[in-house]
């Protein structure tokens, strides 16, 4: 079954760091891009960061300079690190994978709450 398994998140202090991971099942083939989105209460879903199969990355201006998206050795596993967390980083974070065989697949979502 095709799925994305997310891990990480939870309650983090302002100024702290966050690490999220996302592993795509081996049944998802021909992935050309993976990404992290987030959705805060009352706000639209927004792209946080993306990485292509070739390793090209892109970042939302809101996290640029304090965020890194990376591949974890295995081709279909990605990580998201955000440093210097702010209260406005509070959101549900969702992993996505775009593949030629399956279209876009979403992870289950991870709540991240940044608080003092």
N, C-alpha and C. Protein backbone atom coordinates (compact mmCIF):
# COMPACT_ATOMS: atom_id res chain seq x y z
N UNK A 1 0.85 -1.19 0.00
CA UNK A 1 0.00 0.00 0.00
C UNK A 1 0.88 1.24 0.00
N UNK A 2 0.50 2.21 -0.80
CA UNK A 2 1.28 3.43 -0.89
C UNK A 2 0.99 4.33 0.30
N UNK A 3 2.02 4.75 1.00
CA UNK A 3 1.82 5.68 2.10
C UNK A 3 3.11 6.36 2.45
N UNK A 4 2.99 7.47 3.17
CA UNK A 4 4.13 8.20 3.71
C UNK A 4 4.04 8.14 5.23
N UNK A 5 5.10 7.74 5.87
CA UNK A 5 5.13 7.64 7.32
C UNK A 5 5.93 8.79 7.89
N UNK A 6 5.26 9.67 8.66
CA UNK A 6 5.92 10.81 9.27
C UNK A 6 6.31 10.49 10.71
N UNK A 7 7.38 11.13 11.17
CA UNK A 7 7.77 11.03 12.57
C UNK A 7 8.35 12.37 13.00
N UNK A 8 8.32 12.62 14.31
CA UNK A 8 8.82 13.87 14.85
C UNK A 8 7.67 14.82 15.14
N UNK A 9 8.03 16.01 15.61
CA UNK A 9 7.02 17.01 15.96
C UNK A 9 6.77 17.02 17.46
N UNK A 10 5.72 17.71 17.86
CA UNK A 10 5.37 17.80 19.27
C UNK A 10 5.51 19.23 19.78
N UNK A 11 5.76 19.35 21.07
CA UNK A 11 5.89 20.66 21.72
C UNK A 11 7.35 21.07 21.76
N UNK A 12 7.63 22.26 21.26
CA UNK A 12 9.00 22.75 21.21
C UNK A 12 9.03 24.19 21.74
N UNK A 13 10.11 24.55 22.38
CA UNK A 13 10.22 25.90 22.92
C UNK A 13 10.61 26.92 21.84
N UNK A 14 10.18 28.14 22.03
CA UNK A 14 10.61 29.22 21.14
C UNK A 14 12.14 29.30 21.16
N UNK A 15 12.71 29.39 19.97
CA UNK A 15 14.17 29.43 19.85
C UNK A 15 14.80 28.06 19.71
N UNK A 16 14.01 27.02 19.90
CA UNK A 16 14.52 25.66 19.81
C UNK A 16 14.57 25.17 18.38
N UNK A 17 14.79 23.85 18.24
CA UNK A 17 14.92 23.23 16.92
C UNK A 17 13.90 22.10 16.76
N UNK A 18 13.60 21.83 15.51
CA UNK A 18 12.60 20.82 15.15
C UNK A 18 13.19 19.92 14.07
N UNK A 19 12.88 18.63 14.18
CA UNK A 19 13.26 17.70 13.13
C UNK A 19 12.08 16.80 12.83
N UNK A 20 11.71 16.77 11.57
CA UNK A 20 10.64 15.89 11.10
C UNK A 20 11.21 14.96 10.04
N UNK A 21 10.74 13.73 10.01
CA UNK A 21 11.16 12.76 9.00
C UNK A 21 9.95 12.20 8.27
N UNK A 22 10.19 11.79 7.03
CA UNK A 22 9.11 11.25 6.21
C UNK A 22 9.68 10.14 5.33
N UNK A 23 9.13 8.94 5.48
CA UNK A 23 9.59 7.80 4.69
C UNK A 23 8.47 7.33 3.78
N UNK A 24 8.78 7.26 2.50
CA UNK A 24 7.80 6.78 1.53
C UNK A 24 7.87 5.26 1.41
N UNK A 25 6.74 4.63 1.29
CA UNK A 25 6.73 3.17 1.15
C UNK A 25 7.36 2.78 -0.18
N UNK A 26 7.91 1.58 -0.21
CA UNK A 26 8.61 1.12 -1.42
C UNK A 26 7.66 0.89 -2.58
N UNK A 27 6.37 0.91 -2.32
CA UNK A 27 5.38 0.72 -3.39
C UNK A 27 5.15 1.98 -4.21
N UNK A 28 5.71 3.11 -3.75
CA UNK A 28 5.60 4.36 -4.51
C UNK A 28 6.81 4.45 -5.42
N UNK A 29 6.56 4.47 -6.71
CA UNK A 29 7.66 4.47 -7.68
C UNK A 29 7.78 5.80 -8.39
N UNK A 30 8.95 6.03 -8.92
CA UNK A 30 9.21 7.20 -9.78
C UNK A 30 8.88 8.52 -9.09
N UNK A 31 9.32 8.65 -7.81
CA UNK A 31 9.13 9.91 -7.11
C UNK A 31 10.05 10.95 -7.69
N UNK A 32 9.51 12.09 -8.08
CA UNK A 32 10.36 13.14 -8.63
C UNK A 32 10.50 14.33 -7.69
N UNK A 33 9.65 14.41 -6.69
CA UNK A 33 9.77 15.51 -5.73
C UNK A 33 9.10 15.11 -4.41
N UNK A 34 9.70 15.53 -3.32
CA UNK A 34 9.08 15.40 -2.00
C UNK A 34 9.12 16.76 -1.33
N UNK A 35 8.18 17.00 -0.44
CA UNK A 35 8.08 18.33 0.15
C UNK A 35 7.41 18.27 1.52
N UNK A 36 7.57 19.37 2.24
CA UNK A 36 6.86 19.59 3.50
C UNK A 36 5.96 20.80 3.35
N UNK A 37 4.71 20.63 3.76
CA UNK A 37 3.75 21.72 3.84
C UNK A 37 3.36 21.90 5.30
N UNK A 38 2.72 23.02 5.59
CA UNK A 38 2.17 23.21 6.92
C UNK A 38 0.87 24.00 6.83
N UNK A 39 0.03 23.76 7.82
CA UNK A 39 -1.23 24.48 7.89
C UNK A 39 -1.50 24.88 9.33
N UNK A 40 -1.56 26.18 9.53
CA UNK A 40 -1.89 26.72 10.85
C UNK A 40 -3.40 26.94 10.93
N UNK A 41 -3.96 26.99 12.13
CA UNK A 41 -5.41 27.19 12.28
C UNK A 41 -5.87 28.47 11.58
N UNK A 42 -6.90 28.34 10.75
CA UNK A 42 -7.46 29.51 10.09
C UNK A 42 -6.66 30.03 8.92
N UNK A 43 -5.59 29.32 8.56
CA UNK A 43 -4.74 29.76 7.45
C UNK A 43 -4.67 28.70 6.36
N UNK A 44 -4.38 29.08 5.12
CA UNK A 44 -4.27 28.10 4.05
C UNK A 44 -2.99 27.27 4.19
N UNK A 45 -3.02 26.11 3.60
CA UNK A 45 -1.81 25.27 3.59
C UNK A 45 -0.74 25.97 2.77
N UNK A 46 0.51 25.92 3.27
CA UNK A 46 1.60 26.57 2.55
C UNK A 46 2.79 25.62 2.44
N UNK A 47 3.53 25.78 1.36
CA UNK A 47 4.75 25.01 1.17
C UNK A 47 5.83 25.52 2.11
N UNK A 48 6.50 24.63 2.80
CA UNK A 48 7.62 24.98 3.67
C UNK A 48 8.94 24.80 2.91
N UNK A 49 9.13 23.61 2.36
CA UNK A 49 10.35 23.31 1.63
C UNK A 49 10.13 22.11 0.73
N UNK A 50 10.90 22.03 -0.36
CA UNK A 50 10.78 20.91 -1.28
C UNK A 50 12.16 20.46 -1.74
N UNK A 51 12.23 19.22 -2.18
CA UNK A 51 13.48 18.68 -2.72
C UNK A 51 13.15 17.75 -3.88
N UNK A 52 13.85 17.95 -5.00
CA UNK A 52 13.60 17.12 -6.17
C UNK A 52 14.47 15.87 -6.12
N UNK A 53 14.19 14.95 -7.02
CA UNK A 53 14.99 13.73 -7.09
C UNK A 53 16.45 14.05 -7.40
N UNK A 54 16.66 15.16 -8.08
CA UNK A 54 18.02 15.57 -8.40
C UNK A 54 18.72 16.34 -7.29
N UNK A 55 17.98 16.60 -6.19
CA UNK A 55 18.58 17.27 -5.05
C UNK A 55 18.36 18.78 -4.99
N UNK A 56 17.64 19.33 -5.96
CA UNK A 56 17.36 20.77 -5.92
C UNK A 56 16.36 21.06 -4.81
N UNK A 57 16.61 22.13 -4.06
CA UNK A 57 15.75 22.48 -2.93
C UNK A 57 15.14 23.87 -3.12
N UNK A 58 14.02 24.08 -2.44
CA UNK A 58 13.37 25.38 -2.43
C UNK A 58 12.74 25.59 -1.07
N UNK A 59 12.70 26.84 -0.62
CA UNK A 59 12.20 27.16 0.72
C UNK A 59 11.23 28.33 0.69
N UNK A 60 10.27 28.27 1.60
CA UNK A 60 9.39 29.39 1.85
C UNK A 60 10.22 30.51 2.48
N UNK A 61 9.95 31.74 2.10
CA UNK A 61 10.71 32.86 2.66
C UNK A 61 10.62 32.91 4.19
N UNK A 62 9.52 32.42 4.73
CA UNK A 62 9.31 32.49 6.18
C UNK A 62 10.31 31.62 6.96
N UNK A 63 10.90 30.62 6.29
CA UNK A 63 11.82 29.72 6.99
C UNK A 63 13.22 29.75 6.40
N UNK A 64 13.40 30.49 5.31
CA UNK A 64 14.70 30.52 4.63
C UNK A 64 15.78 31.00 5.58
N UNK A 65 16.90 30.30 5.58
CA UNK A 65 18.01 30.66 6.44
C UNK A 65 18.02 29.92 7.77
N UNK A 66 16.92 29.32 8.14
CA UNK A 66 16.86 28.56 9.40
C UNK A 66 16.25 27.18 9.20
N UNK A 67 16.11 26.78 7.94
CA UNK A 67 15.47 25.51 7.61
C UNK A 67 16.30 24.74 6.61
N UNK A 68 16.37 23.42 6.78
CA UNK A 68 17.07 22.57 5.83
C UNK A 68 16.21 21.35 5.54
N UNK A 69 16.00 21.09 4.26
CA UNK A 69 15.36 19.85 3.83
C UNK A 69 16.44 18.97 3.23
N UNK A 70 16.43 17.69 3.58
CA UNK A 70 17.50 16.81 3.12
C UNK A 70 16.97 15.41 2.89
N UNK A 71 17.74 14.65 2.14
CA UNK A 71 17.43 13.25 1.90
C UNK A 71 18.29 12.43 2.85
N UNK A 72 17.68 11.41 3.44
CA UNK A 72 18.35 10.65 4.51
C UNK A 72 19.03 9.40 3.97
N UNK A 73 19.85 9.57 2.95
CA UNK A 73 20.56 8.41 2.41
C UNK A 73 19.64 7.58 1.54
N UNK A 74 18.63 6.99 2.13
CA UNK A 74 17.64 6.23 1.36
C UNK A 74 16.92 7.20 0.43
N UNK A 75 16.66 6.79 -0.77
CA UNK A 75 16.13 7.70 -1.78
C UNK A 75 14.77 8.26 -1.42
N UNK A 76 13.95 7.51 -0.72
CA UNK A 76 12.58 7.95 -0.48
C UNK A 76 12.32 8.38 0.95
N UNK A 77 13.36 8.84 1.64
CA UNK A 77 13.22 9.36 2.99
C UNK A 77 13.77 10.77 3.04
N UNK A 78 12.98 11.70 3.56
CA UNK A 78 13.45 13.07 3.69
C UNK A 78 13.30 13.55 5.13
N UNK A 79 14.09 14.56 5.46
CA UNK A 79 14.04 15.18 6.77
C UNK A 79 13.84 16.68 6.62
N UNK A 80 13.25 17.28 7.65
CA UNK A 80 13.10 18.72 7.71
C UNK A 80 13.63 19.20 9.06
N UNK A 81 14.59 20.08 9.03
CA UNK A 81 15.12 20.69 10.25
C UNK A 81 14.82 22.17 10.22
N UNK A 82 14.24 22.67 11.30
CA UNK A 82 14.00 24.10 11.44
C UNK A 82 14.60 24.55 12.76
N UNK A 83 15.46 25.55 12.70
CA UNK A 83 16.09 26.12 13.89
C UNK A 83 15.43 27.46 14.23
N UNK A 84 15.77 27.97 15.41
CA UNK A 84 15.27 29.29 15.85
C UNK A 84 13.76 29.38 15.67
N UNK A 85 13.07 28.40 16.22
CA UNK A 85 11.62 28.32 16.05
C UNK A 85 10.91 29.52 16.64
N UNK A 86 9.84 29.91 15.95
CA UNK A 86 9.01 31.03 16.37
C UNK A 86 7.60 30.51 16.63
N UNK A 87 6.83 31.30 17.34
CA UNK A 87 5.45 30.88 17.62
C UNK A 87 4.66 30.69 16.33
N UNK A 88 4.98 31.48 15.31
CA UNK A 88 4.26 31.37 14.04
C UNK A 88 4.62 30.12 13.26
N UNK A 89 5.57 29.34 13.73
CA UNK A 89 5.86 28.04 13.11
C UNK A 89 4.90 26.96 13.59
N UNK A 90 4.07 27.30 14.56
CA UNK A 90 3.07 26.35 15.05
C UNK A 90 2.09 26.00 13.94
N UNK A 91 1.94 24.71 13.66
CA UNK A 91 1.08 24.25 12.56
C UNK A 91 1.07 22.73 12.54
N UNK A 92 0.20 22.19 11.70
CA UNK A 92 0.29 20.78 11.34
C UNK A 92 1.19 20.70 10.11
N UNK A 93 2.22 19.86 10.21
CA UNK A 93 3.18 19.71 9.12
C UNK A 93 2.87 18.41 8.36
N UNK A 94 2.79 18.54 7.04
CA UNK A 94 2.45 17.39 6.20
C UNK A 94 3.53 17.16 5.15
N UNK A 95 3.92 15.91 5.03
CA UNK A 95 4.86 15.49 4.01
C UNK A 95 4.09 15.13 2.74
N UNK A 96 4.68 15.41 1.59
CA UNK A 96 4.06 15.00 0.33
C UNK A 96 5.11 14.38 -0.58
N UNK A 97 4.64 13.51 -1.45
CA UNK A 97 5.49 12.91 -2.48
C UNK A 97 4.76 12.97 -3.80
N UNK A 98 5.46 13.45 -4.82
CA UNK A 98 4.91 13.50 -6.18
C UNK A 98 5.60 12.43 -7.00
N UNK A 99 4.81 11.53 -7.56
CA UNK A 99 5.41 10.46 -8.37
C UNK A 99 4.69 10.35 -9.70
N UNK A 100 5.42 9.89 -10.71
CA UNK A 100 4.84 9.71 -12.04
C UNK A 100 3.82 8.58 -12.04
N UNK A 101 3.95 7.66 -11.12
CA UNK A 101 3.05 6.50 -11.10
C UNK A 101 1.81 6.72 -10.25
N UNK A 102 1.92 7.59 -9.22
CA UNK A 102 0.82 7.69 -8.25
C UNK A 102 0.29 9.09 -8.03
N UNK A 103 0.85 10.09 -8.71
CA UNK A 103 0.40 11.45 -8.44
C UNK A 103 0.93 11.93 -7.10
N UNK A 104 0.18 12.75 -6.40
CA UNK A 104 0.60 13.30 -5.11
C UNK A 104 0.02 12.45 -3.98
N UNK A 105 0.88 12.10 -3.06
CA UNK A 105 0.48 11.35 -1.86
C UNK A 105 0.85 12.17 -0.64
N UNK A 106 -0.02 12.15 0.38
CA UNK A 106 0.20 12.94 1.58
C UNK A 106 0.47 12.05 2.78
N UNK A 107 1.30 12.56 3.69
CA UNK A 107 1.51 11.90 4.97
C UNK A 107 0.35 12.19 5.90
N UNK A 108 0.42 11.62 7.11
CA UNK A 108 -0.70 11.71 8.04
C UNK A 108 -0.75 13.04 8.79
N UNK A 109 0.33 13.82 8.73
CA UNK A 109 0.38 15.09 9.45
C UNK A 109 1.00 14.94 10.83
N UNK A 110 1.74 15.97 11.23
CA UNK A 110 2.38 16.00 12.56
C UNK A 110 2.14 17.36 13.19
N UNK A 111 1.58 17.37 14.37
CA UNK A 111 1.36 18.65 15.07
C UNK A 111 2.68 19.16 15.63
N UNK A 112 2.98 20.41 15.35
CA UNK A 112 4.13 21.09 15.94
C UNK A 112 3.61 22.33 16.66
N UNK A 113 3.89 22.42 17.94
CA UNK A 113 3.47 23.56 18.74
C UNK A 113 4.71 24.22 19.32
N UNK A 114 4.89 25.49 19.00
CA UNK A 114 6.04 26.24 19.50
C UNK A 114 5.54 27.20 20.58
N UNK A 115 6.08 27.03 21.75
CA UNK A 115 5.57 27.80 22.88
C UNK A 115 6.70 28.17 23.83
N UNK A 116 6.47 29.21 24.59
CA UNK A 116 7.45 29.59 25.60
C UNK A 116 7.22 28.80 26.88
